[in-house]
Protein backbone atom coordinates (compact mmCIF):
# COMPACT_ATOMS: atom_id res chain seq x y z
CA UNK A 1 0.00 0.00 0.00
CA UNK A 2 1.27 3.50 -0.75
CA UNK A 3 1.50 6.00 2.06
CA UNK A 4 -1.49 8.28 2.61
CA UNK A 5 -1.07 12.03 2.71
CA UNK A 6 -2.47 14.00 5.62
CA UNK A 7 -5.19 16.48 4.63
CA UNK A 8 -3.62 19.83 5.53
CA UNK A 9 -6.96 21.57 6.13
CA UNK A 10 -8.06 18.84 8.54
CA UNK A 11 -4.69 18.93 10.30
CA UNK A 12 -5.25 22.60 11.13
CA UNK A 13 -8.86 22.13 12.28
CA UNK A 14 -8.90 18.90 14.28
CA UNK A 15 -6.88 17.49 17.16
CA UNK A 16 -6.77 13.82 18.17
CA UNK A 17 -6.71 13.16 21.91
CA UNK A 18 -4.70 10.40 23.60
CA UNK A 19 -7.84 8.24 23.84
CA UNK A 20 -8.53 8.66 20.11
CA UNK A 21 -11.35 11.20 20.26
CA UNK A 22 -11.28 14.01 17.69
CA UNK A 23 -11.71 17.55 18.99
CA UNK A 24 -12.91 20.56 16.99
CA UNK A 25 -13.49 24.26 17.58
CA UNK A 26 -16.97 25.72 17.94
CA UNK A 27 -18.42 27.90 15.21
CA UNK A 28 -19.67 31.50 15.77
CA UNK A 29 -16.60 32.60 17.74
CA UNK A 30 -14.73 34.64 15.13
CA UNK A 31 -16.66 37.91 14.76
CA UNK A 32 -19.82 39.80 15.80
CA UNK A 33 -18.97 39.06 19.43
CA UNK A 34 -20.46 42.25 20.93
CA UNK A 35 -24.03 40.95 20.72
CA UNK A 36 -23.18 37.52 22.18
CA UNK A 37 -23.34 37.07 25.93
CA UNK A 38 -20.22 36.35 27.96
CA UNK A 39 -21.66 32.99 28.96
CA UNK A 40 -22.19 32.03 25.33
CA UNK A 41 -18.67 33.17 24.33
CA UNK A 42 -17.11 31.19 27.20
CA UNK A 43 -19.01 28.09 26.13
CA UNK A 44 -17.85 28.54 22.52
CA UNK A 45 -14.18 28.83 23.62
CA UNK A 46 -14.05 25.20 24.70
CA UNK A 47 -13.32 22.48 22.19
CA UNK A 48 -16.04 20.01 21.26
CA UNK A 49 -15.90 16.34 20.34
CA UNK A 50 -16.90 15.65 16.74
CA UNK A 51 -20.03 13.69 15.93
CA UNK A 52 -19.63 9.93 15.53
CA UNK A 53 -20.99 9.99 11.96
CA UNK A 54 -18.10 12.26 10.87
CA UNK A 55 -15.41 10.33 12.73
CA UNK A 56 -14.55 7.87 9.95
CA UNK A 57 -14.15 10.63 7.33
CA UNK A 58 -11.85 12.69 9.53
CA UNK A 59 -9.82 9.64 10.60
CA UNK A 60 -9.22 8.99 6.89
CA UNK A 61 -7.97 12.57 6.43
CA UNK A 62 -5.64 12.22 9.45
CA UNK A 63 -4.04 8.81 8.95
CA UNK A 64 -0.94 9.34 11.14
PDB file of N, CA and C in Angstrom:
ATOM      1  N   UNK A   1       0.833  -1.192   0.000  1.00  0.00           N
ATOM      2  CA  UNK A   1       0.000   0.000   0.000  1.00  0.00           C
ATOM      3  C   UNK A   1       0.874   1.250   0.000  1.00  0.00           C
ATOM      4  N   UNK A   2       0.519   2.236  -0.809  1.00  0.00           N
ATOM      5  CA  UNK A   2       1.265   3.500  -0.747  1.00  0.00           C
ATOM      6  C   UNK A   2       0.899   4.271   0.517  1.00  0.00           C
ATOM      7  N   UNK A   3       1.776   5.168   0.892  1.00  0.00           N
ATOM      8  CA  UNK A   3       1.501   6.005   2.057  1.00  0.00           C
ATOM      9  C   UNK A   3       0.359   6.964   1.738  1.00  0.00           C
ATOM     10  N   UNK A   4      -0.402   7.316   2.771  1.00  0.00           N
ATOM     11  CA  UNK A   4      -1.487   8.283   2.614  1.00  0.00           C
ATOM     12  C   UNK A   4      -0.991   9.653   3.029  1.00  0.00           C
ATOM     13  N   UNK A   5      -1.451  10.671   2.336  1.00  0.00           N
ATOM     14  CA  UNK A   5      -1.074  12.028   2.710  1.00  0.00           C
ATOM     15  C   UNK A   5      -2.092  12.581   3.693  1.00  0.00           C
ATOM     16  N   UNK A   6      -1.602  13.336   4.653  1.00  0.00           N
ATOM     17  CA  UNK A   6      -2.467  14.004   5.615  1.00  0.00           C
ATOM     18  C   UNK A   6      -3.147  15.182   4.935  1.00  0.00           C
ATOM     19  N   UNK A   7      -4.441  15.342   5.164  1.00  0.00           N
ATOM     20  CA  UNK A   7      -5.188  16.479   4.630  1.00  0.00           C
ATOM     21  C   UNK A   7      -4.808  17.711   5.440  1.00  0.00           C
ATOM     22  N   UNK A   8      -4.180  18.681   4.805  1.00  0.00           N
ATOM     23  CA  UNK A   8      -3.621  19.832   5.526  1.00  0.00           C
ATOM     24  C   UNK A   8      -4.702  20.685   6.177  1.00  0.00           C
ATOM     25  N   UNK A   9      -5.876  20.808   5.539  1.00  0.00           N
ATOM     26  CA  UNK A   9      -6.964  21.574   6.128  1.00  0.00           C
ATOM     27  C   UNK A   9      -7.486  20.906   7.390  1.00  0.00           C
ATOM     28  N   UNK A  10      -7.587  19.583   7.363  1.00  0.00           N
ATOM     29  CA  UNK A  10      -8.064  18.838   8.535  1.00  0.00           C
ATOM     30  C   UNK A  10      -7.037  18.889   9.659  1.00  0.00           C
ATOM     31  N   UNK A  11      -5.759  18.877   9.300  1.00  0.00           N
ATOM     32  CA  UNK A  11      -4.694  18.933  10.297  1.00  0.00           C
ATOM     33  C   UNK A  11      -4.774  20.217  11.120  1.00  0.00           C
ATOM     34  N   UNK A  12      -5.162  21.308  10.451  1.00  0.00           N
ATOM     35  CA  UNK A  12      -5.253  22.601  11.128  1.00  0.00           C
ATOM     36  C   UNK A  12      -6.525  22.722  11.966  1.00  0.00           C
ATOM     37  N   UNK A  13      -7.559  21.961  11.640  1.00  0.00           N
ATOM     38  CA  UNK A  13      -8.864  22.125  12.284  1.00  0.00           C
ATOM     39  C   UNK A  13      -9.163  21.132  13.385  1.00  0.00           C
ATOM     40  N   UNK A  14      -8.562  19.957  13.340  1.00  0.00           N
ATOM     41  CA  UNK A  14      -8.897  18.900  14.284  1.00  0.00           C
ATOM     42  C   UNK A  14      -7.676  18.458  15.070  1.00  0.00           C
ATOM     43  N   UNK A  15      -7.944  17.974  16.291  1.00  0.00           N
ATOM     44  CA  UNK A  15      -6.876  17.485  17.158  1.00  0.00           C
ATOM     45  C   UNK A  15      -7.320  16.138  17.708  1.00  0.00           C
ATOM     46  N   UNK A  16      -6.450  15.143  17.657  1.00  0.00           N
ATOM     47  CA  UNK A  16      -6.773  13.817  18.166  1.00  0.00           C
ATOM     48  C   UNK A  16      -6.245  13.708  19.588  1.00  0.00           C
ATOM     49  N   UNK A  17      -7.109  13.296  20.516  1.00  0.00           N
ATOM     50  CA  UNK A  17      -6.705  13.157  21.913  1.00  0.00           C
ATOM     51  C   UNK A  17      -5.972  11.834  22.111  1.00  0.00           C
ATOM     52  N   UNK A  18      -5.445  11.633  23.298  1.00  0.00           N
ATOM     53  CA  UNK A  18      -4.704  10.405  23.605  1.00  0.00           C
ATOM     54  C   UNK A  18      -5.617   9.180  23.559  1.00  0.00           C
ATOM     55  N   UNK A  19      -6.899   9.367  23.865  1.00  0.00           N
ATOM     56  CA  UNK A  19      -7.843   8.242  23.838  1.00  0.00           C
ATOM     57  C   UNK A  19      -8.440   8.006  22.454  1.00  0.00           C
ATOM     58  N   UNK A  20      -8.079   8.860  21.485  1.00  0.00           N
ATOM     59  CA  UNK A  20      -8.534   8.658  20.112  1.00  0.00           C
ATOM     60  C   UNK A  20      -9.734   9.486  19.708  1.00  0.00           C
ATOM     61  N   UNK A  21     -10.238  10.325  20.620  1.00  0.00           N
ATOM     62  CA  UNK A  21     -11.351  11.204  20.260  1.00  0.00           C
ATOM     63  C   UNK A  21     -10.820  12.350  19.410  1.00  0.00           C
ATOM     64  N   UNK A  22     -11.678  12.903  18.549  1.00  0.00           N
ATOM     65  CA  UNK A  22     -11.275  14.007  17.685  1.00  0.00           C
ATOM     66  C   UNK A  22     -11.981  15.267  18.170  1.00  0.00           C
ATOM     67  N   UNK A  23     -11.182  16.291  18.470  1.00  0.00           N
ATOM     68  CA  UNK A  23     -11.709  17.549  18.986  1.00  0.00           C
ATOM     69  C   UNK A  23     -11.775  18.578  17.856  1.00  0.00           C
ATOM     70  N   UNK A  24     -12.732  19.494  17.974  1.00  0.00           N
ATOM     71  CA  UNK A  24     -12.906  20.556  16.990  1.00  0.00           C
ATOM     72  C   UNK A  24     -13.244  21.849  17.722  1.00  0.00           C
ATOM     73  N   UNK A  25     -13.105  22.968  17.014  1.00  0.00           N
ATOM     74  CA  UNK A  25     -13.491  24.261  17.575  1.00  0.00           C
ATOM     75  C   UNK A  25     -14.977  24.489  17.329  1.00  0.00           C
ATOM     76  N   UNK A  26     -15.592  25.325  18.155  1.00  0.00           N
ATOM     77  CA  UNK A  26     -16.974  25.715  17.939  1.00  0.00           C
ATOM     78  C   UNK A  26     -17.041  26.795  16.859  1.00  0.00           C
ATOM     79  N   UNK A  27     -18.158  26.839  16.177  1.00  0.00           N
ATOM     80  CA  UNK A  27     -18.424  27.904  15.209  1.00  0.00           C
ATOM     81  C   UNK A  27     -18.955  29.132  15.951  1.00  0.00           C
ATOM     82  N   UNK A  28     -19.093  30.246  15.255  1.00  0.00           N
ATOM     83  CA  UNK A  28     -19.672  31.499  15.770  1.00  0.00           C
ATOM     84  C   UNK A  28     -18.796  32.168  16.827  1.00  0.00           C
ATOM     85  N   UNK A  29     -17.485  32.005  16.742  1.00  0.00           N
ATOM     86  CA  UNK A  29     -16.604  32.601  17.744  1.00  0.00           C
ATOM     87  C   UNK A  29     -15.606  33.561  17.103  1.00  0.00           C
ATOM     88  N   UNK A  30     -15.753  33.848  15.817  1.00  0.00           N
ATOM     89  CA  UNK A  30     -14.729  34.638  15.131  1.00  0.00           C
ATOM     90  C   UNK A  30     -15.045  36.128  15.029  1.00  0.00           C
ATOM     91  N   UNK A  31     -16.311  36.488  14.897  1.00  0.00           N
ATOM     92  CA  UNK A  31     -16.657  37.911  14.761  1.00  0.00           C
ATOM     93  C   UNK A  31     -18.079  38.129  15.241  1.00  0.00           C
ATOM     94  N   UNK A  32     -18.507  39.403  15.276  1.00  0.00           N
ATOM     95  CA  UNK A  32     -19.816  39.800  15.795  1.00  0.00           C
ATOM     96  C   UNK A  32     -20.002  39.325  17.238  1.00  0.00           C
ATOM     97  N   UNK A  33     -18.959  39.570  18.057  1.00  0.00           N
ATOM     98  CA  UNK A  33     -18.969  39.062  19.428  1.00  0.00           C
ATOM     99  C   UNK A  33     -19.651  40.015  20.407  1.00  0.00           C
ATOM    100  N   UNK A  34     -19.889  41.266  20.008  1.00  0.00           N
ATOM    101  CA  UNK A  34     -20.465  42.248  20.931  1.00  0.00           C
ATOM    102  C   UNK A  34     -21.886  41.872  21.338  1.00  0.00           C
ATOM    103  N   UNK A  35     -22.632  41.292  20.414  1.00  0.00           N
ATOM    104  CA  UNK A  35     -24.032  40.947  20.718  1.00  0.00           C
ATOM    105  C   UNK A  35     -24.169  39.618  21.449  1.00  0.00           C
ATOM    106  N   UNK A  36     -23.113  38.814  21.504  1.00  0.00           N
ATOM    107  CA  UNK A  36     -23.182  37.522  22.181  1.00  0.00           C
ATOM    108  C   UNK A  36     -22.855  37.690  23.659  1.00  0.00           C
ATOM    109  N   UNK A  37     -23.550  36.954  24.488  1.00  0.00           N
ATOM    110  CA  UNK A  37     -23.342  37.075  25.930  1.00  0.00           C
ATOM    111  C   UNK A  37     -22.001  36.459  26.318  1.00  0.00           C
ATOM    112  N   UNK A  38     -21.491  36.879  27.468  1.00  0.00           N
ATOM    113  CA  UNK A  38     -20.219  36.354  27.960  1.00  0.00           C
ATOM    114  C   UNK A  38     -20.308  34.852  28.201  1.00  0.00           C
ATOM    115  N   UNK A  39     -21.436  34.421  28.704  1.00  0.00           N
ATOM    116  CA  UNK A  39     -21.655  32.992  28.965  1.00  0.00           C
ATOM    117  C   UNK A  39     -21.565  32.181  27.668  1.00  0.00           C
ATOM    118  N   UNK A  40     -22.197  32.710  26.627  1.00  0.00           N
ATOM    119  CA  UNK A  40     -22.185  32.028  25.329  1.00  0.00           C
ATOM    120  C   UNK A  40     -20.777  31.986  24.751  1.00  0.00           C
ATOM    121  N   UNK A  41     -20.027  33.118  24.870  1.00  0.00           N
ATOM    122  CA  UNK A  41     -18.667  33.174  24.332  1.00  0.00           C
ATOM    123  C   UNK A  41     -17.732  32.227  25.083  1.00  0.00           C
ATOM    124  N   UNK A  42     -17.916  32.132  26.396  1.00  0.00           N
ATOM    125  CA  UNK A  42     -17.109  31.194  27.198  1.00  0.00           C
ATOM    126  C   UNK A  42     -17.372  29.761  26.777  1.00  0.00           C
ATOM    127  N   UNK A  43     -18.634  29.446  26.538  1.00  0.00           N
ATOM    128  CA  UNK A  43     -19.015  28.092  26.125  1.00  0.00           C
ATOM    129  C   UNK A  43     -18.424  27.757  24.759  1.00  0.00           C
ATOM    130  N   UNK A  44     -18.376  28.754  23.866  1.00  0.00           N
ATOM    131  CA  UNK A  44     -17.848  28.535  22.523  1.00  0.00           C
ATOM    132  C   UNK A  44     -16.318  28.436  22.506  1.00  0.00           C
ATOM    133  N   UNK A  45     -15.647  28.922  23.552  1.00  0.00           N
ATOM    134  CA  UNK A  45     -14.178  28.834  23.624  1.00  0.00           C
ATOM    135  C   UNK A  45     -13.706  27.386  23.698  1.00  0.00           C
ATOM    136  N   UNK A  46     -14.462  26.581  24.431  1.00  0.00           N
ATOM    137  CA  UNK A  46     -14.049  25.199  24.696  1.00  0.00           C
ATOM    138  C   UNK A  46     -14.143  24.357  23.427  1.00  0.00           C
ATOM    139  N   UNK A  47     -13.284  23.372  23.344  1.00  0.00           N
ATOM    140  CA  UNK A  47     -13.318  22.482  22.192  1.00  0.00           C
ATOM    141  C   UNK A  47     -14.418  21.453  22.362  1.00  0.00           C
ATOM    142  N   UNK A  48     -14.964  20.989  21.247  1.00  0.00           N
ATOM    143  CA  UNK A  48     -16.044  20.009  21.257  1.00  0.00           C
ATOM    144  C   UNK A  48     -15.555  18.720  20.612  1.00  0.00           C
ATOM    145  N   UNK A  49     -16.196  17.623  20.959  1.00  0.00           N
ATOM    146  CA  UNK A  49     -15.902  16.336  20.335  1.00  0.00           C
ATOM    147  C   UNK A  49     -16.745  16.234  19.076  1.00  0.00           C
ATOM    148  N   UNK A  50     -16.150  15.746  17.999  1.00  0.00           N
ATOM    149  CA  UNK A  50     -16.904  15.651  16.742  1.00  0.00           C
ATOM    150  C   UNK A  50     -17.952  14.556  16.828  1.00  0.00           C
ATOM    151  N   UNK A  51     -18.949  14.662  15.980  1.00  0.00           N
ATOM    152  CA  UNK A  51     -20.032  13.695  15.926  1.00  0.00           C
ATOM    153  C   UNK A  51     -19.514  12.356  15.424  1.00  0.00           C
ATOM    154  N   UNK A  52     -20.109  11.268  15.895  1.00  0.00           N
ATOM    155  CA  UNK A  52     -19.628   9.931  15.534  1.00  0.00           C
ATOM    156  C   UNK A  52     -19.788   9.641  14.045  1.00  0.00           C
ATOM    157  N   UNK A  53     -20.777  10.261  13.381  1.00  0.00           N
ATOM    158  CA  UNK A  53     -20.987   9.987  11.958  1.00  0.00           C
ATOM    159  C   UNK A  53     -19.887  10.616  11.098  1.00  0.00           C
ATOM    160  N   UNK A  54     -19.189  11.631  11.614  1.00  0.00           N
ATOM    161  CA  UNK A  54     -18.104  12.263  10.867  1.00  0.00           C
ATOM    162  C   UNK A  54     -16.737  11.650  11.193  1.00  0.00           C
ATOM    163  N   UNK A  55     -16.687  10.827  12.226  1.00  0.00           N
ATOM    164  CA  UNK A  55     -15.411  10.328  12.735  1.00  0.00           C
ATOM    165  C   UNK A  55     -14.608   9.564  11.677  1.00  0.00           C
ATOM    166  N   UNK A  56     -15.265   8.691  10.919  1.00  0.00           N
ATOM    167  CA  UNK A  56     -14.551   7.871   9.949  1.00  0.00           C
ATOM    168  C   UNK A  56     -13.939   8.711   8.835  1.00  0.00           C
ATOM    169  N   UNK A  57     -14.675   9.759   8.403  1.00  0.00           N
ATOM    170  CA  UNK A  57     -14.151  10.627   7.331  1.00  0.00           C
ATOM    171  C   UNK A  57     -12.931  11.397   7.797  1.00  0.00           C
ATOM    172  N   UNK A  58     -12.968  11.900   9.024  1.00  0.00           N
ATOM    173  CA  UNK A  58     -11.853  12.692   9.533  1.00  0.00           C
ATOM    174  C   UNK A  58     -10.658  11.801   9.854  1.00  0.00           C
ATOM    175  N   UNK A  59     -10.908  10.588  10.352  1.00  0.00           N
ATOM    176  CA  UNK A  59      -9.824   9.638  10.602  1.00  0.00           C
ATOM    177  C   UNK A  59      -9.086   9.320   9.299  1.00  0.00           C
ATOM    178  N   UNK A  60      -9.816   9.278   8.197  1.00  0.00           N
ATOM    179  CA  UNK A  60      -9.221   8.995   6.894  1.00  0.00           C
ATOM    180  C   UNK A  60      -8.351  10.158   6.439  1.00  0.00           C
ATOM    181  N   UNK A  61      -8.744  11.389   6.805  1.00  0.00           N
ATOM    182  CA  UNK A  61      -7.967  12.574   6.433  1.00  0.00           C
ATOM    183  C   UNK A  61      -6.725  12.729   7.308  1.00  0.00           C
ATOM    184  N   UNK A  62      -6.762  12.149   8.513  1.00  0.00           N
ATOM    185  CA  UNK A  62      -5.642  12.219   9.448  1.00  0.00           C
ATOM    186  C   UNK A  62      -5.119  10.818   9.729  1.00  0.00           C
ATOM    187  N   UNK A  63      -4.431  10.206   8.773  1.00  0.00           N
ATOM    188  CA  UNK A  63      -4.044   8.807   8.953  1.00  0.00           C
ATOM    189  C   UNK A  63      -2.938   8.572   9.977  1.00  0.00           C
ATOM    190  N   UNK A  64      -2.096   9.564  10.269  1.00  0.00           N
ATOM    191  CA  UNK A  64      -0.937   9.337  11.143  1.00  0.00           C
ATOM    192  C   UNK A  64      -0.964  10.225  12.367  1.00  0.00           C
TER     193      UNK A  64
END
